[in-house]
């Protein structure tokens, strides 16, 4: 596992330490988790929670209504 040195303003360090303590984790593990979460390829939880939140959202066919037919497309095969 690699080690890295970062420089934080005093107020950010205090907030990071407080957040890590609340999770009962070492600061280094908490910071690593924040970086992993930030760089992850998943949608944020707020976006996932919003999925399906609009029960009357129109179907795709309704959204495309009135736009005509799609242009012919080349085959990808």
N, C-alpha and C. Protein backbone atom coordinates (compact mmCIF):
# COMPACT_ATOMS: atom_id res chain seq x y z
N UNK A 1 0.85 -1.17 0.00
CA UNK A 1 0.00 0.00 0.00
C UNK A 1 0.90 1.24 0.00
N UNK A 2 0.59 2.19 -0.84
CA UNK A 2 1.38 3.40 -0.97
C UNK A 2 1.07 4.39 0.15
N UNK A 3 2.05 5.21 0.43
CA UNK A 3 1.86 6.30 1.38
C UNK A 3 1.98 7.61 0.61
N UNK A 4 1.23 8.60 1.08
CA UNK A 4 1.24 9.90 0.43
C UNK A 4 1.15 10.97 1.51
N UNK A 5 1.76 12.10 1.26
CA UNK A 5 1.69 13.23 2.20
C UNK A 5 0.79 14.28 1.61
N UNK A 6 -0.15 14.76 2.41
CA UNK A 6 -1.02 15.84 1.96
C UNK A 6 -0.93 16.97 2.98
N UNK A 7 -1.21 18.15 2.52
CA UNK A 7 -1.20 19.32 3.38
C UNK A 7 -2.62 19.87 3.44
N UNK A 8 -3.14 20.00 4.65
CA UNK A 8 -4.50 20.51 4.86
C UNK A 8 -4.45 21.77 5.71
N UNK A 9 -5.39 22.65 5.43
CA UNK A 9 -5.56 23.78 6.35
C UNK A 9 -5.95 23.22 7.71
N UNK A 10 -5.66 23.95 8.75
CA UNK A 10 -5.95 23.48 10.11
C UNK A 10 -7.43 23.15 10.30
N UNK A 11 -8.31 23.99 9.73
CA UNK A 11 -9.74 23.74 9.92
C UNK A 11 -10.18 22.46 9.21
N UNK A 12 -9.59 22.16 8.05
CA UNK A 12 -9.94 20.91 7.35
C UNK A 12 -9.42 19.70 8.09
N UNK A 13 -8.23 19.83 8.64
CA UNK A 13 -7.68 18.72 9.43
C UNK A 13 -8.59 18.42 10.61
N UNK A 14 -9.04 19.45 11.29
CA UNK A 14 -9.91 19.26 12.44
C UNK A 14 -11.21 18.59 12.04
N UNK A 15 -11.78 19.01 10.92
CA UNK A 15 -13.03 18.39 10.45
C UNK A 15 -12.81 16.94 10.06
N UNK A 16 -11.69 16.65 9.39
CA UNK A 16 -11.38 15.28 8.99
C UNK A 16 -11.21 14.40 10.22
N UNK A 17 -10.48 14.90 11.20
CA UNK A 17 -10.28 14.12 12.43
C UNK A 17 -11.61 13.86 13.15
N UNK A 18 -12.47 14.86 13.19
CA UNK A 18 -13.77 14.72 13.85
C UNK A 18 -14.62 13.68 13.11
N UNK A 19 -14.63 13.75 11.76
CA UNK A 19 -15.42 12.80 10.98
C UNK A 19 -14.88 11.38 11.13
N UNK A 20 -13.56 11.23 11.14
CA UNK A 20 -12.96 9.91 11.31
C UNK A 20 -13.28 9.34 12.69
N UNK A 21 -13.21 10.20 13.69
CA UNK A 21 -13.51 9.76 15.06
C UNK A 21 -14.95 9.29 15.16
N UNK A 22 -15.87 10.00 14.50
CA UNK A 22 -17.28 9.62 14.53
C UNK A 22 -17.51 8.25 13.90
N UNK A 23 -16.66 7.89 12.95
CA UNK A 23 -16.77 6.58 12.28
C UNK A 23 -15.88 5.53 12.95
N UNK A 24 -15.18 5.92 14.00
CA UNK A 24 -14.26 5.03 14.71
C UNK A 24 -13.21 4.47 13.77
N UNK A 25 -12.64 5.36 12.94
CA UNK A 25 -11.62 4.98 11.97
C UNK A 25 -10.40 5.87 12.14
N UNK A 26 -9.24 5.35 11.75
CA UNK A 26 -8.07 6.23 11.69
C UNK A 26 -8.29 7.28 10.60
N UNK A 27 -7.70 8.44 10.77
CA UNK A 27 -7.87 9.52 9.80
C UNK A 27 -7.43 9.08 8.41
N UNK A 28 -6.33 8.34 8.33
CA UNK A 28 -5.83 7.91 7.02
C UNK A 28 -6.85 7.02 6.30
N UNK A 29 -7.51 6.13 7.02
CA UNK A 29 -8.51 5.27 6.41
C UNK A 29 -9.73 6.08 5.98
N UNK A 30 -10.11 7.06 6.81
CA UNK A 30 -11.26 7.91 6.46
C UNK A 30 -10.97 8.71 5.20
N UNK A 31 -9.77 9.30 5.11
CA UNK A 31 -9.40 10.08 3.92
C UNK A 31 -9.36 9.17 2.70
N UNK A 32 -8.78 7.97 2.83
CA UNK A 32 -8.74 7.04 1.71
C UNK A 32 -10.14 6.69 1.24
N UNK A 33 -11.07 6.49 2.17
CA UNK A 33 -12.45 6.18 1.81
C UNK A 33 -13.11 7.34 1.07
N UNK A 34 -12.79 8.57 1.49
CA UNK A 34 -13.35 9.75 0.82
C UNK A 34 -12.84 9.84 -0.61
N UNK A 35 -11.56 9.57 -0.80
CA UNK A 35 -10.98 9.61 -2.14
C UNK A 35 -11.58 8.51 -3.00
N UNK A 36 -11.69 7.32 -2.46
CA UNK A 36 -12.27 6.20 -3.21
C UNK A 36 -13.71 6.51 -3.60
N UNK A 37 -14.47 7.05 -2.68
CA UNK A 37 -15.87 7.39 -2.97
C UNK A 37 -15.94 8.48 -4.04
N UNK A 38 -15.06 9.45 -3.94
CA UNK A 38 -15.06 10.56 -4.89
C UNK A 38 -14.67 10.11 -6.29
N UNK A 39 -13.78 9.16 -6.38
CA UNK A 39 -13.29 8.71 -7.68
C UNK A 39 -14.01 7.47 -8.20
N UNK A 40 -14.92 6.94 -7.40
CA UNK A 40 -15.63 5.74 -7.80
C UNK A 40 -16.48 5.94 -9.04
N UNK A 41 -16.82 4.84 -9.67
CA UNK A 41 -17.60 4.89 -10.90
C UNK A 41 -19.08 4.61 -10.64
N UNK A 42 -19.53 4.82 -9.44
CA UNK A 42 -20.94 4.61 -9.14
C UNK A 42 -21.63 5.96 -8.99
N UNK A 43 -22.93 5.94 -9.12
CA UNK A 43 -23.71 7.15 -8.93
C UNK A 43 -23.75 7.48 -7.45
N UNK A 44 -23.77 8.76 -7.10
CA UNK A 44 -23.93 9.13 -5.69
C UNK A 44 -25.26 8.59 -5.14
N UNK A 45 -25.30 8.30 -3.87
CA UNK A 45 -26.50 7.71 -3.26
C UNK A 45 -27.72 8.59 -3.48
N UNK A 46 -27.56 9.90 -3.45
CA UNK A 46 -28.71 10.80 -3.66
C UNK A 46 -29.34 10.58 -5.04
N UNK A 47 -28.51 10.32 -6.03
CA UNK A 47 -29.03 10.06 -7.38
C UNK A 47 -29.76 8.72 -7.41
N UNK A 48 -29.16 7.70 -6.80
CA UNK A 48 -29.81 6.39 -6.75
C UNK A 48 -31.15 6.46 -6.02
N UNK A 49 -31.19 7.24 -4.94
CA UNK A 49 -32.43 7.39 -4.18
C UNK A 49 -33.51 8.10 -5.00
N UNK A 50 -33.10 8.96 -5.92
CA UNK A 50 -34.06 9.71 -6.73
C UNK A 50 -34.67 8.87 -7.85
N UNK A 51 -34.02 7.78 -8.19
CA UNK A 51 -34.53 6.93 -9.28
C UNK A 51 -35.94 6.43 -8.92
N UNK A 52 -36.87 6.70 -9.80
CA UNK A 52 -38.25 6.28 -9.59
C UNK A 52 -39.03 7.19 -8.66
N UNK A 53 -38.46 8.31 -8.26
CA UNK A 53 -39.12 9.21 -7.32
C UNK A 53 -40.25 9.99 -7.97
N UNK A 54 -40.31 10.02 -9.29
CA UNK A 54 -41.37 10.73 -10.00
C UNK A 54 -42.31 9.70 -10.64
N UNK A 55 -43.34 9.29 -9.93
CA UNK A 55 -44.20 8.22 -10.44
C UNK A 55 -44.93 8.57 -11.73
N UNK A 56 -45.14 9.85 -12.01
CA UNK A 56 -45.86 10.23 -13.22
C UNK A 56 -44.92 10.68 -14.34
N UNK A 57 -43.64 10.31 -14.24
CA UNK A 57 -42.69 10.68 -15.28
C UNK A 57 -43.07 9.95 -16.56
N UNK A 58 -43.10 10.64 -17.70
CA UNK A 58 -43.56 10.01 -18.93
C UNK A 58 -42.64 8.89 -19.41
N UNK A 59 -43.24 7.95 -20.12
CA UNK A 59 -42.47 6.86 -20.73
C UNK A 59 -41.67 7.42 -21.90
N UNK A 60 -40.67 6.67 -22.34
CA UNK A 60 -39.81 7.10 -23.43
C UNK A 60 -40.62 7.40 -24.70
N UNK A 61 -41.59 6.56 -24.98
CA UNK A 61 -42.40 6.78 -26.18
C UNK A 61 -43.16 8.11 -26.12
N UNK A 62 -43.60 8.48 -24.92
CA UNK A 62 -44.30 9.76 -24.76
C UNK A 62 -43.33 10.93 -24.94
N UNK A 63 -42.11 10.78 -24.45
CA UNK A 63 -41.13 11.84 -24.59
C UNK A 63 -40.75 12.06 -26.06
N UNK A 64 -40.70 10.98 -26.83
CA UNK A 64 -40.30 11.07 -28.23
C UNK A 64 -41.46 11.43 -29.15
N UNK A 65 -42.66 11.46 -28.63
CA UNK A 65 -43.84 11.73 -29.44
C UNK A 65 -43.72 13.09 -30.13
N UNK A 66 -43.99 13.11 -31.43
CA UNK A 66 -43.97 14.35 -32.17
C UNK A 66 -42.61 14.70 -32.76
N UNK A 67 -41.60 13.88 -32.53
CA UNK A 67 -40.26 14.17 -33.06
C UNK A 67 -40.00 13.47 -34.39
N UNK A 68 -40.93 12.69 -34.90
CA UNK A 68 -40.71 11.98 -36.16
C UNK A 68 -39.93 10.71 -35.93
N UNK A 69 -39.48 10.11 -37.03
CA UNK A 69 -38.75 8.86 -36.93
C UNK A 69 -37.24 9.14 -36.89
N UNK A 70 -36.54 8.20 -36.32
CA UNK A 70 -35.08 8.31 -36.27
C UNK A 70 -34.48 8.19 -37.66
N UNK A 71 -33.35 8.81 -37.87
CA UNK A 71 -32.62 8.68 -39.12
C UNK A 71 -32.04 7.27 -39.22
N UNK A 72 -31.87 6.77 -40.44
CA UNK A 72 -31.24 5.45 -40.58
C UNK A 72 -29.83 5.45 -39.98
N UNK A 73 -29.47 4.36 -39.37
CA UNK A 73 -28.16 4.27 -38.74
C UNK A 73 -27.34 3.16 -39.35
N UNK A 74 -26.04 3.32 -39.31
CA UNK A 74 -25.15 2.29 -39.81
C UNK A 74 -25.10 1.15 -38.81
N UNK A 75 -24.89 -0.04 -39.32
CA UNK A 75 -24.75 -1.20 -38.47
C UNK A 75 -23.39 -1.16 -37.79
N UNK A 76 -23.31 -1.61 -36.56
CA UNK A 76 -22.05 -1.66 -35.85
C UNK A 76 -21.35 -3.00 -36.05
N UNK A 77 -21.99 -3.89 -36.74
CA UNK A 77 -21.39 -5.23 -36.97
C UNK A 77 -20.57 -5.26 -38.21
